[in-house]
């Protein structure tokens, strides 16, 4: 390789991360341009029962008994999901800390703001206030508040339990997500006023097992 070729490769290597980052920032829609929100709630015990769970001290450490935790309030379109719609400045520490009771990992709070909050058209404080309001607007069925034993349920029955606990919800507003045969997340679709609405085509139940496992709270 000639000296000129080496210099060209080195120059391209320096430019590549910048171009990828720029593409990440501009590939989504303009902030605030979306159809509805997805309230994503993770079943925390699922992570704690994985081989990597021991390292998740904020989620699975001693004294941390999380059931459904807030994963994020994510802008969606009827077809597709915008991400990273604008450059994300670092979040203030106090704002991150204030969310840890319902989003039990600081890295998750920061990632959700960068990937999804920047698409909301809101500032960080308003976005996380809205995220908390959305999370608190959904009543968790009693069977999943603090279960001490493994449960087995069909995805459709789980969705029905959420409808029973939340009379304003309909089955079309809910999507259940699994990792194989284990419950991973429940998604609830909401309009901009945080009222339930049907999910778009990109938000559907993706549990292919007839029956799924719901691990207990550790």
Protein backbone atom coordinates (compact mmCIF):
# COMPACT_ATOMS: atom_id res chain seq x y z
CA UNK A 1 0.00 0.00 0.00
CA UNK A 2 1.39 3.41 -0.97
CA UNK A 3 1.83 6.28 1.45
CA UNK A 4 -1.01 8.08 -0.29
CA UNK A 5 -3.31 5.08 0.13
CA UNK A 6 -2.47 4.83 3.83
CA UNK A 7 -3.31 8.49 4.28
CA UNK A 8 -6.62 8.04 2.44
CA UNK A 9 -7.62 5.05 4.59
CA UNK A 10 -6.71 6.94 7.76
CA UNK A 11 -8.77 9.93 6.65
CA UNK A 12 -11.79 7.75 5.86
CA UNK A 13 -11.45 6.00 9.23
CA UNK A 14 -11.70 9.33 11.00
CA UNK A 15 -14.70 10.41 8.97
CA UNK A 16 -16.71 7.19 9.30
CA UNK A 17 -17.87 7.56 12.94
CA UNK A 18 -18.89 11.16 12.25
CA UNK A 19 -20.92 10.21 9.17
CA UNK A 20 -22.63 7.32 10.99
CA UNK A 21 -23.48 9.58 13.93
CA UNK A 22 -24.79 12.26 11.60
CA UNK A 23 -26.96 9.71 9.84
CA UNK A 24 -28.35 8.57 13.19
CA UNK A 25 -29.34 12.14 13.99
CA UNK A 26 -31.04 12.83 10.69
CA UNK A 27 -32.59 9.48 9.77
CA UNK A 28 -35.66 9.97 11.98
CA UNK A 29 -38.54 12.36 11.51
CA UNK A 30 -38.49 15.93 12.84
CA UNK A 31 -39.11 16.07 16.61
CA UNK A 32 -42.79 16.04 17.43
CA UNK A 33 -43.85 14.45 14.13
CA UNK A 34 -45.44 11.12 15.09
CA UNK A 35 -48.84 9.47 15.38
CA UNK A 36 -49.00 8.06 18.91
CA UNK A 37 -47.01 6.88 21.93
CA UNK A 38 -46.11 3.37 23.01
CA UNK A 39 -45.83 2.95 26.77
CA UNK A 40 -43.27 0.16 27.07
CA UNK A 41 -43.26 -1.74 30.38
CA UNK A 42 -40.59 -4.37 30.94
CA UNK A 43 -41.20 -7.43 33.11
CA UNK A 44 -38.05 -7.00 35.23
CA UNK A 45 -37.84 -10.56 36.64
CA UNK A 46 -37.28 -11.81 33.10
CA UNK A 47 -33.89 -10.05 33.11
CA UNK A 48 -33.00 -11.27 36.57
CA UNK A 49 -33.53 -14.91 35.59
CA UNK A 50 -31.21 -14.62 32.58
CA UNK A 51 -27.49 -15.60 32.91
CA UNK A 52 -26.57 -11.89 32.76
CA UNK A 53 -29.01 -11.00 35.51
CA UNK A 54 -26.42 -11.20 38.27
CA UNK A 55 -24.64 -8.20 36.76
CA UNK A 56 -27.81 -6.10 36.70
CA UNK A 57 -27.37 -4.82 40.22
CA UNK A 58 -29.65 -1.81 39.74
CA UNK A 59 -32.45 -4.06 38.54
CA UNK A 60 -31.84 -7.33 40.34
CA UNK A 61 -29.65 -6.41 43.30
CA UNK A 62 -30.50 -7.09 46.92
CA UNK A 63 -33.62 -5.29 48.06
CA UNK A 64 -34.73 -4.40 44.53
CA UNK A 65 -38.07 -6.04 43.91
CA UNK A 66 -39.21 -4.66 40.57
CA UNK A 67 -42.10 -6.23 38.68
CA UNK A 68 -43.23 -4.11 35.71
CA UNK A 69 -40.79 -1.23 35.23
CA UNK A 70 -41.03 1.64 32.80
CA UNK A 71 -38.89 1.01 29.75
CA UNK A 72 -39.93 4.18 27.95
CA UNK A 73 -42.58 6.34 26.34
CA UNK A 74 -41.80 5.93 22.67
CA UNK A 75 -43.21 7.98 19.78
CA UNK A 76 -44.56 5.76 17.00
CA UNK A 77 -46.03 6.11 13.55
CA UNK A 78 -48.74 3.85 12.24
CA UNK A 79 -45.98 2.37 10.10
CA UNK A 80 -42.57 2.56 11.71
CA UNK A 81 -40.83 4.16 14.67
CA UNK A 82 -38.75 7.35 14.57
CA UNK A 83 -35.53 7.31 16.56
CA UNK A 84 -32.86 9.83 17.54
CA UNK A 85 -34.63 12.75 15.90
CA UNK A 86 -32.26 15.42 17.25
CA UNK A 87 -28.89 15.69 18.99
CA UNK A 88 -29.25 14.80 22.67
CA UNK A 89 -27.39 16.87 25.24
CA UNK A 90 -26.36 15.03 28.44
CA UNK A 91 -29.19 14.75 30.94
CA UNK A 92 -28.80 16.47 34.32
CA UNK A 93 -27.99 13.98 37.06
CA UNK A 94 -30.94 15.08 39.19
CA UNK A 95 -33.33 14.32 36.34
CA UNK A 96 -31.88 10.83 35.86
CA UNK A 97 -31.98 10.11 39.59
CA UNK A 98 -35.61 11.23 39.82
CA UNK A 99 -36.65 8.46 37.40
CA UNK A 100 -34.86 5.56 39.06
CA UNK A 101 -37.87 4.48 41.12
CA UNK A 102 -39.71 3.41 37.96
CA UNK A 103 -36.82 3.15 35.46
CA UNK A 104 -34.29 1.31 37.61
CA UNK A 105 -31.18 1.84 35.47
CA UNK A 106 -29.55 5.22 34.83
CA UNK A 107 -28.27 4.00 31.47
CA UNK A 108 -31.85 3.18 30.45
CA UNK A 109 -33.03 6.70 31.31
CA UNK A 110 -30.27 8.26 29.21
CA UNK A 111 -30.79 5.87 26.31
CA UNK A 112 -34.54 6.42 26.21
CA UNK A 113 -34.06 10.17 26.03
CA UNK A 114 -31.55 9.90 23.21
CA UNK A 115 -33.45 7.33 21.14
CA UNK A 116 -37.07 8.26 21.85
CA UNK A 117 -37.40 11.40 23.95
CA UNK A 118 -35.74 13.50 21.25
CA UNK A 119 -38.56 12.53 18.89
CA UNK A 120 -41.30 13.70 21.26
CA UNK A 121 -40.91 17.42 20.61
CA UNK A 122 -40.66 17.93 24.39
CA UNK A 123 -37.79 19.04 26.57
CA UNK A 124 -36.22 16.47 28.94
CA UNK A 125 -38.21 17.49 32.04
CA UNK A 126 -41.54 17.56 30.20
CA UNK A 127 -40.78 14.26 28.47
CA UNK A 128 -39.99 12.39 31.67
CA UNK A 129 -42.96 13.99 33.47
CA UNK A 130 -45.15 12.68 30.66
CA UNK A 131 -43.47 9.27 30.83
CA UNK A 132 -44.24 9.02 34.54
CA UNK A 133 -47.83 10.15 34.00
CA UNK A 134 -48.29 7.51 31.30
CA UNK A 135 -46.83 4.76 33.49
CA UNK A 136 -49.03 5.75 36.42
CA UNK A 137 -52.12 5.89 34.21
CA UNK A 138 -52.05 2.12 33.65
CA UNK A 139 -53.16 -0.14 36.49
CA UNK A 140 -51.13 -3.33 36.75
CA UNK A 141 -53.32 -6.41 37.22
CA UNK A 142 -53.09 -7.76 40.78
CA UNK A 143 -51.52 -11.04 39.61
CA UNK A 144 -48.43 -9.15 38.39
CA UNK A 145 -47.80 -6.67 41.18
CA UNK A 146 -45.58 -8.88 43.34
CA UNK A 147 -45.86 -12.53 42.29
CA UNK A 148 -43.85 -15.01 44.32
CA UNK A 149 -44.44 -18.02 42.08
CA UNK A 150 -44.00 -18.73 38.39
CA UNK A 151 -47.16 -18.10 36.38
CA UNK A 152 -48.16 -19.46 32.99
CA UNK A 153 -50.59 -17.57 30.83
CA UNK A 154 -51.48 -17.14 27.17
CA UNK A 155 -50.59 -13.76 25.61
CA UNK A 156 -54.28 -13.12 24.89
CA UNK A 157 -55.23 -13.83 28.50
CA UNK A 158 -52.52 -11.48 29.76
CA UNK A 159 -53.86 -8.71 27.52
CA UNK A 160 -57.38 -9.43 28.78
CA UNK A 161 -56.19 -9.06 32.37
CA UNK A 162 -54.90 -5.57 31.54
CA UNK A 163 -58.24 -4.69 29.97
CA UNK A 164 -60.10 -5.89 33.07
CA UNK A 165 -57.82 -3.79 35.30
CA UNK A 166 -58.16 -0.77 32.96
CA UNK A 167 -61.72 -0.42 31.63
CA UNK A 168 -60.66 2.31 29.19
CA UNK A 169 -58.27 -0.09 27.43
CA UNK A 170 -59.24 -2.39 24.55
CA UNK A 171 -57.37 -5.45 23.34
CA UNK A 172 -56.34 -3.52 20.22
CA UNK A 173 -54.45 -1.06 22.46
CA UNK A 174 -52.11 -3.71 23.90
CA UNK A 175 -49.17 -5.69 22.51
CA UNK A 176 -47.40 -8.45 24.44
CA UNK A 177 -43.72 -9.14 23.71
CA UNK A 178 -41.81 -12.29 24.64
CA UNK A 179 -38.35 -13.77 24.57
CA UNK A 180 -39.19 -17.26 23.39
CA UNK A 181 -41.62 -18.60 25.98
CA UNK A 182 -40.89 -15.90 28.61
CA UNK A 183 -42.73 -12.61 29.05
CA UNK A 184 -40.52 -9.64 28.21
CA UNK A 185 -42.70 -6.54 27.81
CA UNK A 186 -46.22 -5.23 27.64
CA UNK A 187 -46.82 -2.27 25.32
CA UNK A 188 -49.82 0.03 25.70
CA UNK A 189 -50.64 2.43 22.87
CA UNK A 190 -51.67 5.97 23.83
CA UNK A 191 -52.49 9.16 21.97
CA UNK A 192 -50.72 12.45 22.66
CA UNK A 193 -53.09 13.12 25.56
CA UNK A 194 -52.21 9.70 27.01
CA UNK A 195 -55.63 8.28 26.23
CA UNK A 196 -55.69 4.67 24.96
CA UNK A 197 -55.84 4.15 21.22
CA UNK A 198 -55.36 1.19 18.86
CA UNK A 199 -51.79 0.21 18.12
CA UNK A 200 -50.38 0.70 14.63
CA UNK A 201 -49.27 -2.04 12.30
CA UNK A 202 -45.74 -2.03 13.74
CA UNK A 203 -47.05 -2.74 17.24
CA UNK A 204 -48.55 -6.18 17.49
CA UNK A 205 -48.20 -9.09 19.89
CA UNK A 206 -45.08 -11.02 18.89
CA UNK A 207 -45.45 -13.99 21.22
CA UNK A 208 -45.68 -17.11 19.13
CA UNK A 209 -45.90 -19.54 22.04
CA UNK A 210 -49.35 -20.71 23.01
CA UNK A 211 -48.47 -20.21 26.67
CA UNK A 212 -45.79 -17.95 28.16
CA UNK A 213 -43.92 -18.04 31.44
CA UNK A 214 -44.03 -15.10 33.84
CA UNK A 215 -41.08 -15.45 36.28
CA UNK A 216 -41.74 -14.35 39.88
CA UNK A 217 -40.27 -11.26 41.47
CA UNK A 218 -36.94 -12.37 43.01
